Amino acid sequence: PLWARHGHRSVVIVDTRTNHRLLEAFASKLFAQAYSFNGVTVHGAEGVDDFVHLFTHRVARGGLIAMGRPDGRLCSLAKTESALLLAGKQAFYVQNADYPQYLDSGNGPEVVSIGHNPFCPPAFAAHVVLPSFRRKLFVDEIVFERVTLSAGRVAPSLI
């Protein structure tokens, strides 16, 4: 909504420590010589470590939270993605009580995520799906079943 665009804007980049520091430096240099009415304050935090403690109490109307998400379809990254989704929802639901309370009211931050997993929670404003050029997960499961159902020997054509 239009009223979410008035006032000071801030961007919080939520990703791994290396990524959010690089993106924070890049984005702040992009807006280095902007006028005050269209400038942006850029912050960064690690999603599973310090984002909730540093930025969820500073959430303001018109803010943008850009979250990098790991692919939670892989078992080793499922808990990390769940923690990031929880942190994003927690930041989203800190809203200004003077405005109507519904998902697209503009009285809280806009949470945008980016990652390989196409799932987008309803509280997030958008999700950018990155293209993946690796094999689909179900192919790995088929190969695993064939290997485990064999008599302990693995054919070289399966590997």
C-alpha atoms as a PDB file:
ATOM      1  CA  PRO A   1       0.000   0.000   0.000  1.00  0.00           C
ATOM      2  CA  LEU A   2       0.942   3.582  -0.568  1.00  0.00           C
ATOM      3  CA  TRP A   3       1.257   4.601   3.095  1.00  0.00           C
ATOM      4  CA  ALA A   4       3.972   2.007   3.614  1.00  0.00           C
ATOM      5  CA  ARG A   5       6.276   3.991   1.325  1.00  0.00           C
ATOM      6  CA  HIS A   6       6.271   7.237   3.354  1.00  0.00           C
ATOM      7  CA  GLY A   7       9.035   7.854   5.845  1.00  0.00           C
ATOM      8  CA  HIS A   8      12.463   6.351   6.222  1.00  0.00           C
ATOM      9  CA  ARG A   9      13.144   3.020   4.532  1.00  0.00           C
ATOM     10  CA  SER A  10      15.378   0.267   5.784  1.00  0.00           C
ATOM     11  CA  VAL A  11      16.535  -3.013   4.296  1.00  0.00           C
ATOM     12  CA  VAL A  12      17.686  -5.952   6.411  1.00  0.00           C
ATOM     13  CA  ILE A  13      19.611  -8.642   4.545  1.00  0.00           C
ATOM     14  CA  VAL A  14      19.334 -12.010   6.285  1.00  0.00           C
ATOM     15  CA  ASP A  15      21.802 -14.628   5.098  1.00  0.00           C
ATOM     16  CA  THR A  16      25.049 -16.279   6.099  1.00  0.00           C
ATOM     17  CA  ARG A  17      27.669 -14.000   7.616  1.00  0.00           C
ATOM     18  CA  THR A  18      29.756 -13.695   4.451  1.00  0.00           C
ATOM     19  CA  ASN A  19      26.792 -13.110   2.144  1.00  0.00           C
ATOM     20  CA  HIS A  20      25.015 -10.527   4.262  1.00  0.00           C
ATOM     21  CA  ARG A  21      28.208  -8.533   4.812  1.00  0.00           C
ATOM     22  CA  LEU A  22      29.009  -8.458   1.091  1.00  0.00           C
ATOM     23  CA  LEU A  23      25.439  -7.577   0.120  1.00  0.00           C
ATOM     24  CA  GLU A  24      25.189  -4.963   2.869  1.00  0.00           C
ATOM     25  CA  ALA A  25      28.338  -3.227   1.625  1.00  0.00           C
ATOM     26  CA  PHE A  26      27.162  -3.424  -1.999  1.00  0.00           C
ATOM     27  CA  ALA A  27      23.658  -2.084  -1.304  1.00  0.00           C
ATOM     28  CA  SER A  28      24.880   0.732   0.952  1.00  0.00           C
ATOM     29  CA  LYS A  29      27.343   1.845  -1.748  1.00  0.00           C
ATOM     30  CA  LEU A  30      24.521   1.875  -4.300  1.00  0.00           C
ATOM     31  CA  PHE A  31      22.600   4.392  -2.174  1.00  0.00           C
ATOM     32  CA  ALA A  32      25.678   6.308  -0.937  1.00  0.00           C
ATOM     33  CA  GLN A  33      24.907   9.520  -2.805  1.00  0.00           C
ATOM     34  CA  ALA A  34      21.123   9.330  -2.821  1.00  0.00           C
ATOM     35  CA  TYR A  35      18.976  12.163  -1.534  1.00  0.00           C
ATOM     36  CA  SER A  36      17.555  11.779   1.958  1.00  0.00           C
ATOM     37  CA  PHE A  37      13.975  11.298   0.762  1.00  0.00           C
ATOM     38  CA  ASN A  38      14.887   8.263  -1.338  1.00  0.00           C
ATOM     39  CA  GLY A  39      17.793   6.853   0.654  1.00  0.00           C
ATOM     40  CA  VAL A  40      17.842   3.458   2.280  1.00  0.00           C
ATOM     41  CA  THR A  41      19.495   2.283   5.464  1.00  0.00           C
ATOM     42  CA  VAL A  42      20.973  -1.186   4.953  1.00  0.00           C
ATOM     43  CA  HIS A  43      21.517  -3.677   7.765  1.00  0.00           C
ATOM     44  CA  GLY A  44      22.590  -7.303   7.764  1.00  0.00           C
ATOM     45  CA  ALA A  45      22.240 -10.266  10.094  1.00  0.00           C
ATOM     46  CA  GLU A  46      22.700 -14.000  10.155  1.00  0.00           C
ATOM     47  CA  GLY A  47      19.282 -15.638  10.127  1.00  0.00           C
ATOM     48  CA  VAL A  48      19.863 -18.527  12.484  1.00  0.00           C
ATOM     49  CA  ASP A  49      22.097 -16.600  14.882  1.00  0.00           C
ATOM     50  CA  ASP A  50      21.383 -12.937  15.556  1.00  0.00           C
ATOM     51  CA  PHE A  51      18.546 -11.698  13.322  1.00  0.00           C
ATOM     52  CA  VAL A  52      15.762 -12.307  15.842  1.00  0.00           C
ATOM     53  CA  HIS A  53      17.686 -10.707  18.713  1.00  0.00           C
ATOM     54  CA  LEU A  54      18.922  -7.675  16.782  1.00  0.00           C
ATOM     55  CA  PHE A  55      16.149  -6.708  14.374  1.00  0.00           C
ATOM     56  CA  THR A  56      12.704  -8.070  15.250  1.00  0.00           C
ATOM     57  CA  HIS A  57      12.162  -5.341  17.851  1.00  0.00           C
ATOM     58  CA  ARG A  58      13.214  -2.679  15.298  1.00  0.00           C
ATOM     59  CA  VAL A  59      10.707  -3.661  12.648  1.00  0.00           C
ATOM     60  CA  ALA A  60       8.981  -0.632  11.154  1.00  0.00           C
ATOM     61  CA  ARG A  61       6.343  -0.020   8.528  1.00  0.00           C
ATOM     62  CA  GLY A  62       7.871   0.147   5.061  1.00  0.00           C
ATOM     63  CA  GLY A  63      10.905  -1.988   5.875  1.00  0.00           C
ATOM     64  CA  LEU A  64      12.131  -4.749   3.633  1.00  0.00           C
ATOM     65  CA  ILE A  65      13.579  -7.989   4.966  1.00  0.00           C
ATOM     66  CA  ALA A  66      15.412  -9.967   2.279  1.00  0.00           C
ATOM     67  CA  MET A  67      16.051 -13.536   3.443  1.00  0.00           C
ATOM     68  CA  GLY A  68      18.305 -16.070   1.773  1.00  0.00           C
ATOM     69  CA  ARG A  69      16.887 -19.548   2.388  1.00  0.00           C
ATOM     70  CA  PRO A  70      18.665 -22.893   2.107  1.00  0.00           C
ATOM     71  CA  ASP A  71      16.932 -25.715   0.290  1.00  0.00           C
ATOM     72  CA  GLY A  72      14.934 -27.344   3.071  1.00  0.00           C
ATOM     73  CA  ARG A  73      14.001 -30.292   0.874  1.00  0.00           C
ATOM     74  CA  LEU A  74      17.395 -31.730   1.769  1.00  0.00           C
ATOM     75  CA  CYS A  75      17.369 -33.419   5.178  1.00  0.00           C
ATOM     76  CA  SER A  76      20.559 -31.697   6.341  1.00  0.00           C
ATOM     77  CA  LEU A  77      19.118 -28.210   5.680  1.00  0.00           C
ATOM     78  CA  ALA A  78      15.495 -28.709   6.775  1.00  0.00           C
ATOM     79  CA  LYS A  79      16.011 -27.417  10.329  1.00  0.00           C
ATOM     80  CA  THR A  80      17.945 -24.386   9.125  1.00  0.00           C
ATOM     81  CA  GLU A  81      15.214 -23.442   6.669  1.00  0.00           C
ATOM     82  CA  SER A  82      12.551 -23.928   9.340  1.00  0.00           C
ATOM     83  CA  ALA A  83      14.444 -21.627  11.709  1.00  0.00           C
ATOM     84  CA  LEU A  84      14.697 -18.959   9.012  1.00  0.00           C
ATOM     85  CA  LEU A  85      11.004 -19.235   8.156  1.00  0.00           C
ATOM     86  CA  LEU A  86      10.137 -18.882  11.839  1.00  0.00           C
ATOM     87  CA  ALA A  87      12.371 -15.812  12.169  1.00  0.00           C
ATOM     88  CA  GLY A  88      10.807 -14.226   9.091  1.00  0.00           C
ATOM     89  CA  LYS A  89       7.280 -14.836  10.349  1.00  0.00           C
ATOM     90  CA  GLN A  90       8.201 -13.484  13.776  1.00  0.00           C
ATOM     91  CA  ALA A  91       9.507 -10.278  12.203  1.00  0.00           C
ATOM     92  CA  PHE A  92       6.454  -9.996   9.937  1.00  0.00           C
ATOM     93  CA  TYR A  93       3.906 -10.242  12.738  1.00  0.00           C
ATOM     94  CA  VAL A  94       5.411  -7.303  14.652  1.00  0.00           C
ATOM     95  CA  GLN A  95       3.024  -4.720  13.222  1.00  0.00           C
ATOM     96  CA  ASN A  96       1.759  -1.248  13.995  1.00  0.00           C
ATOM     97  CA  ALA A  97      -1.489  -1.548  15.954  1.00  0.00           C
ATOM     98  CA  ASP A  98      -2.874   1.753  14.603  1.00  0.00           C
ATOM     99  CA  TYR A  99      -3.497   0.208  11.185  1.00  0.00           C
ATOM    100  CA  PRO A 100      -5.707  -2.702  10.130  1.00  0.00           C
ATOM    101  CA  GLN A 101      -4.334  -6.141  10.960  1.00  0.00           C
ATOM    102  CA  TYR A 102      -4.343  -8.288   7.832  1.00  0.00           C
ATOM    103  CA  LEU A 103      -1.600  -9.808   5.717  1.00  0.00           C
ATOM    104  CA  ASP A 104      -1.307  -7.121   3.019  1.00  0.00           C
ATOM    105  CA  SER A 105      -2.086  -4.059   5.123  1.00  0.00           C
ATOM    106  CA  GLY A 106       1.339  -2.438   4.863  1.00  0.00           C
ATOM    107  CA  ASN A 107       1.702  -1.854   8.597  1.00  0.00           C
ATOM    108  CA  GLY A 108       4.628  -4.234   8.978  1.00  0.00           C
ATOM    109  CA  PRO A 109       7.719  -5.103   7.007  1.00  0.00           C
ATOM    110  CA  GLU A 110       7.729  -6.819   3.653  1.00  0.00           C
ATOM    111  CA  VAL A 111       9.529 -10.146   3.887  1.00  0.00           C
ATOM    112  CA  VAL A 112      10.996 -11.446   0.627  1.00  0.00           C
ATOM    113  CA  SER A 113      12.876 -14.731   0.454  1.00  0.00           C
ATOM    114  CA  ILE A 114      15.183 -16.178  -2.173  1.00  0.00           C
ATOM    115  CA  GLY A 115      16.242 -19.793  -2.579  1.00  0.00           C
ATOM    116  CA  HIS A 116      15.898 -23.059  -4.487  1.00  0.00           C
ATOM    117  CA  ASN A 117      12.861 -24.366  -2.581  1.00  0.00           C
ATOM    118  CA  PRO A 118       9.684 -23.133  -4.350  1.00  0.00           C
ATOM    119  CA  PHE A 119       7.626 -23.084  -1.125  1.00  0.00           C
ATOM    120  CA  CYS A 120       6.545 -19.577  -0.066  1.00  0.00           C
ATOM    121  CA  PRO A 121       4.790 -19.068   3.294  1.00  0.00           C
ATOM    122  CA  PRO A 122       1.615 -16.962   3.168  1.00  0.00           C
ATOM    123  CA  ALA A 123       3.095 -14.256   5.412  1.00  0.00           C
ATOM    124  CA  PHE A 124       5.935 -13.516   2.975  1.00  0.00           C
ATOM    125  CA  ALA A 125       5.370 -10.850   0.324  1.00  0.00           C
ATOM    126  CA  ALA A 126       7.267 -12.749  -2.372  1.00  0.00           C
ATOM    127  CA  HIS A 127       9.698 -15.572  -2.984  1.00  0.00           C
ATOM    128  CA  VAL A 128      12.284 -15.666  -5.753  1.00  0.00           C
ATOM    129  CA  VAL A 129      12.980 -19.232  -6.871  1.00  0.00           C
ATOM    130  CA  LEU A 130      16.534 -19.771  -8.047  1.00  0.00           C
ATOM    131  CA  PRO A 131      16.923 -22.204 -10.939  1.00  0.00           C
ATOM    132  CA  SER A 132      18.610 -25.473 -10.071  1.00  0.00           C
ATOM    133  CA  PHE A 133      20.599 -27.537 -12.530  1.00  0.00           C
ATOM    134  CA  ARG A 134      21.125 -30.577 -10.355  1.00  0.00           C
ATOM    135  CA  ARG A 135      19.142 -33.798 -10.555  1.00  0.00           C
ATOM    136  CA  LYS A 136      15.715 -33.900  -9.024  1.00  0.00           C
ATOM    137  CA  LEU A 137      15.453 -35.346  -5.530  1.00  0.00           C
ATOM    138  CA  PHE A 138      13.218 -38.269  -6.470  1.00  0.00           C
ATOM    139  CA  VAL A 139      15.931 -39.601  -8.825  1.00  0.00           C
ATOM    140  CA  ASP A 140      18.262 -39.832  -5.820  1.00  0.00           C
ATOM    141  CA  GLU A 141      15.589 -41.751  -3.940  1.00  0.00           C
ATOM    142  CA  ILE A 142      15.136 -44.212  -6.824  1.00  0.00           C
ATOM    143  CA  VAL A 143      18.882 -44.853  -6.977  1.00  0.00           C
ATOM    144  CA  PHE A 144      18.977 -45.330  -3.184  1.00  0.00           C
ATOM    145  CA  GLU A 145      16.177 -47.908  -3.358  1.00  0.00           C
ATOM    146  CA  ARG A 146      17.889 -49.799  -6.162  1.00  0.00           C
ATOM    147  CA  VAL A 147      21.163 -49.862  -4.232  1.00  0.00           C
ATOM    148  CA  THR A 148      19.544 -51.042  -0.989  1.00  0.00           C
ATOM    149  CA  LEU A 149      17.381 -53.666  -2.728  1.00  0.00           C
ATOM    150  CA  SER A 150      20.351 -55.194  -4.523  1.00  0.00           C
ATOM    151  CA  ALA A 151      22.189 -58.076  -2.839  1.00  0.00           C
ATOM    152  CA  GLY A 152      24.806 -55.784  -1.344  1.00  0.00           C
ATOM    153  CA  ARG A 153      26.570 -55.317  -4.642  1.00  0.00           C
ATOM    154  CA  VAL A 154      26.362 -52.011  -6.428  1.00  0.00           C
ATOM    155  CA  ALA A 155      26.506 -52.065 -10.196  1.00  0.00           C
ATOM    156  CA  PRO A 156      28.896 -49.451 -11.665  1.00  0.00           C
ATOM    157  CA  SER A 157      26.082 -48.191 -13.910  1.00  0.00           C
ATOM    158  CA  LEU A 158      24.112 -47.028 -10.848  1.00  0.00           C
ATOM    159  CA  ILE A 159      26.910 -44.884  -9.432  1.00  0.00           C
END
